Amino acid sequence: MYNKTSKRKYVVIDKFRFFVFLFSLIVLSIYIILIFSSNTKAYSSIYDEKYIEVEVKYGDTLWDIAKKHMPDDYDIRKMVYELREFNNMKDVNIYPGDVIKIPNRYN
């Protein structure tokens, strides 16, 4: 009769194949983790994004700076958002003396 409390015992017949399997499994797991944890942006010196720097003067707003440097037929709200992202800004508050970086793709 089958005893429900007994555990199955597995015996490794070929230890070399078993360790190769474990090693392959670990390497594959690490590779998958690295792929999904890496940054989604691709960086290359060929495509290094250049920018111009604009010094904020008294009375300037991020909206005005974006409007001045944005291409034709471009949404000003999107431009302000992209400038905030590019400059790692938490909000749109800027002060005289601050330097705003504008990517060359807009110039």
C-alpha atoms as a PDB file:
ATOM      1  CA  MET A   1       0.000   0.000   0.000  1.00  0.00           C
ATOM      2  CA  TYR A   2       1.140   3.540  -0.760  1.00  0.00           C
ATOM      3  CA  ASN A   3       2.151   5.578   2.262  1.00  0.00           C
ATOM      4  CA  LYS A   4       1.121   9.244   1.901  1.00  0.00           C
ATOM      5  CA  THR A   5       3.675  10.453   4.407  1.00  0.00           C
ATOM      6  CA  SER A   6       6.684   9.002   2.634  1.00  0.00           C
ATOM      7  CA  LYS A   7       8.555  11.307   0.283  1.00  0.00           C
ATOM      8  CA  ARG A   8       9.829  10.394  -3.123  1.00  0.00           C
ATOM      9  CA  LYS A   9      13.545  10.046  -3.346  1.00  0.00           C
ATOM     10  CA  TYR A  10      15.375  10.989  -6.490  1.00  0.00           C
ATOM     11  CA  VAL A  11      18.707   9.511  -7.395  1.00  0.00           C
ATOM     12  CA  VAL A  12      21.161  11.336  -9.633  1.00  0.00           C
ATOM     13  CA  ILE A  13      22.574   8.765 -11.987  1.00  0.00           C
ATOM     14  CA  ASP A  14      24.912  10.981 -14.019  1.00  0.00           C
ATOM     15  CA  LYS A  15      26.306  13.718 -11.778  1.00  0.00           C
ATOM     16  CA  PHE A  16      28.119  15.477 -14.620  1.00  0.00           C
ATOM     17  CA  ARG A  17      24.938  15.915 -16.678  1.00  0.00           C
ATOM     18  CA  PHE A  18      23.088  17.048 -13.571  1.00  0.00           C
ATOM     19  CA  PHE A  19      25.659  19.755 -12.786  1.00  0.00           C
ATOM     20  CA  VAL A  20      25.773  20.876 -16.419  1.00  0.00           C
ATOM     21  CA  PHE A  21      21.982  21.202 -16.304  1.00  0.00           C
ATOM     22  CA  LEU A  22      22.104  23.208 -13.054  1.00  0.00           C
ATOM     23  CA  PHE A  23      24.875  25.440 -14.370  1.00  0.00           C
ATOM     24  CA  SER A  24      22.963  26.074 -17.607  1.00  0.00           C
ATOM     25  CA  LEU A  25      19.801  26.849 -15.668  1.00  0.00           C
ATOM     26  CA  ILE A  26      21.606  29.354 -13.436  1.00  0.00           C
ATOM     27  CA  VAL A  27      23.334  31.074 -16.371  1.00  0.00           C
ATOM     28  CA  LEU A  28      20.046  31.320 -18.267  1.00  0.00           C
ATOM     29  CA  SER A  29      18.290  32.740 -15.208  1.00  0.00           C
ATOM     30  CA  ILE A  30      20.967  35.380 -14.697  1.00  0.00           C
ATOM     31  CA  TYR A  31      20.856  36.283 -18.402  1.00  0.00           C
ATOM     32  CA  ILE A  32      17.073  36.747 -18.319  1.00  0.00           C
ATOM     33  CA  ILE A  33      17.264  38.849 -15.153  1.00  0.00           C
ATOM     34  CA  LEU A  34      19.934  41.084 -16.693  1.00  0.00           C
ATOM     35  CA  ILE A  35      17.915  41.594 -19.872  1.00  0.00           C
ATOM     36  CA  PHE A  36      14.800  42.701 -18.016  1.00  0.00           C
ATOM     37  CA  SER A  37      16.579  44.780 -15.401  1.00  0.00           C
ATOM     38  CA  SER A  38      18.719  46.756 -17.829  1.00  0.00           C
ATOM     39  CA  ASN A  39      17.823  50.247 -18.881  1.00  0.00           C
ATOM     40  CA  THR A  40      15.651  50.402 -21.969  1.00  0.00           C
ATOM     41  CA  LYS A  41      17.632  53.178 -23.566  1.00  0.00           C
ATOM     42  CA  ALA A  42      20.457  52.225 -25.866  1.00  0.00           C
ATOM     43  CA  TYR A  43      23.566  54.342 -25.549  1.00  0.00           C
ATOM     44  CA  SER A  44      26.225  54.731 -28.159  1.00  0.00           C
ATOM     45  CA  SER A  45      28.960  57.256 -28.807  1.00  0.00           C
ATOM     46  CA  ILE A  46      27.796  57.480 -32.423  1.00  0.00           C
ATOM     47  CA  TYR A  47      24.316  58.547 -31.419  1.00  0.00           C
ATOM     48  CA  ASP A  48      25.346  60.557 -28.379  1.00  0.00           C
ATOM     49  CA  GLU A  49      22.629  63.131 -27.996  1.00  0.00           C
ATOM     50  CA  LYS A  50      24.089  66.633 -28.005  1.00  0.00           C
ATOM     51  CA  TYR A  51      22.348  69.554 -26.410  1.00  0.00           C
ATOM     52  CA  ILE A  52      22.517  73.288 -26.013  1.00  0.00           C
ATOM     53  CA  GLU A  53      22.429  74.991 -22.665  1.00  0.00           C
ATOM     54  CA  VAL A  54      20.111  77.902 -21.977  1.00  0.00           C
ATOM     55  CA  GLU A  55      20.616  79.993 -18.871  1.00  0.00           C
ATOM     56  CA  VAL A  56      17.370  81.010 -17.220  1.00  0.00           C
ATOM     57  CA  LYS A  57      16.871  84.751 -16.892  1.00  0.00           C
ATOM     58  CA  TYR A  58      14.480  86.606 -14.615  1.00  0.00           C
ATOM     59  CA  GLY A  59      10.916  86.170 -15.877  1.00  0.00           C
ATOM     60  CA  ASP A  60      11.645  83.064 -17.971  1.00  0.00           C
ATOM     61  CA  THR A  61       9.360  80.065 -17.667  1.00  0.00           C
ATOM     62  CA  LEU A  62       9.916  76.550 -18.880  1.00  0.00           C
ATOM     63  CA  TRP A  63       6.905  77.037 -21.141  1.00  0.00           C
ATOM     64  CA  ASP A  64       8.541  80.096 -22.793  1.00  0.00           C
ATOM     65  CA  ILE A  65      11.879  78.318 -23.245  1.00  0.00           C
ATOM     66  CA  ALA A  66      10.135  75.274 -24.745  1.00  0.00           C
ATOM     67  CA  LYS A  67       8.081  77.489 -27.063  1.00  0.00           C
ATOM     68  CA  LYS A  68      11.195  79.310 -28.249  1.00  0.00           C
ATOM     69  CA  HIS A  69      13.128  76.110 -29.077  1.00  0.00           C
ATOM     70  CA  MET A  70      10.411  73.706 -30.246  1.00  0.00           C
ATOM     71  CA  PRO A  71      10.019  72.679 -33.890  1.00  0.00           C
ATOM     72  CA  ASP A  72       7.017  73.656 -35.996  1.00  0.00           C
ATOM     73  CA  ASP A  73       3.874  71.558 -35.581  1.00  0.00           C
ATOM     74  CA  TYR A  74       4.971  70.248 -32.189  1.00  0.00           C
ATOM     75  CA  ASP A  75       2.831  70.113 -29.056  1.00  0.00           C
ATOM     76  CA  ILE A  76       4.113  72.594 -26.460  1.00  0.00           C
ATOM     77  CA  ARG A  77       2.929  70.366 -23.588  1.00  0.00           C
ATOM     78  CA  LYS A  78       4.940  67.461 -24.957  1.00  0.00           C
ATOM     79  CA  MET A  79       7.970  69.716 -25.349  1.00  0.00           C
ATOM     80  CA  VAL A  80       7.724  70.890 -21.714  1.00  0.00           C
ATOM     81  CA  TYR A  81       7.364  67.295 -20.541  1.00  0.00           C
ATOM     82  CA  GLU A  82      10.380  66.170 -22.581  1.00  0.00           C
ATOM     83  CA  LEU A  83      12.506  69.047 -21.267  1.00  0.00           C
ATOM     84  CA  ARG A  84      11.565  68.088 -17.713  1.00  0.00           C
ATOM     85  CA  GLU A  85      12.526  64.462 -18.397  1.00  0.00           C
ATOM     86  CA  PHE A  86      15.767  65.393 -20.156  1.00  0.00           C
ATOM     87  CA  ASN A  87      16.807  67.683 -17.284  1.00  0.00           C
ATOM     88  CA  ASN A  88      15.572  65.360 -14.499  1.00  0.00           C
ATOM     89  CA  MET A  89      13.247  68.024 -13.128  1.00  0.00           C
ATOM     90  CA  LYS A  90      10.583  67.176 -10.543  1.00  0.00           C
ATOM     91  CA  ASP A  91       8.394  70.124 -11.502  1.00  0.00           C
ATOM     92  CA  VAL A  92       8.363  73.103 -13.884  1.00  0.00           C
ATOM     93  CA  ASN A  93       9.763  75.635 -11.425  1.00  0.00           C
ATOM     94  CA  ILE A  94      12.938  77.273 -12.707  1.00  0.00           C
ATOM     95  CA  TYR A  95      14.932  80.144 -11.268  1.00  0.00           C
ATOM     96  CA  PRO A  96      17.298  82.754 -12.677  1.00  0.00           C
ATOM     97  CA  GLY A  97      20.751  81.257 -13.090  1.00  0.00           C
ATOM     98  CA  ASP A  98      19.468  77.710 -13.687  1.00  0.00           C
ATOM     99  CA  VAL A  99      20.749  76.008 -16.820  1.00  0.00           C
ATOM    100  CA  ILE A 100      18.273  74.123 -18.999  1.00  0.00           C
ATOM    101  CA  LYS A 101      19.628  71.581 -21.484  1.00  0.00           C
ATOM    102  CA  ILE A 102      17.754  71.352 -24.790  1.00  0.00           C
ATOM    103  CA  PRO A 103      18.471  68.331 -27.031  1.00  0.00           C
ATOM    104  CA  ASN A 104      19.756  69.122 -30.532  1.00  0.00           C
ATOM    105  CA  ARG A 105      16.895  67.233 -32.146  1.00  0.00           C
ATOM    106  CA  TYR A 106      14.761  70.309 -31.458  1.00  0.00           C
ATOM    107  CA  ASN A 107      17.186  72.837 -32.938  1.00  0.00           C
END
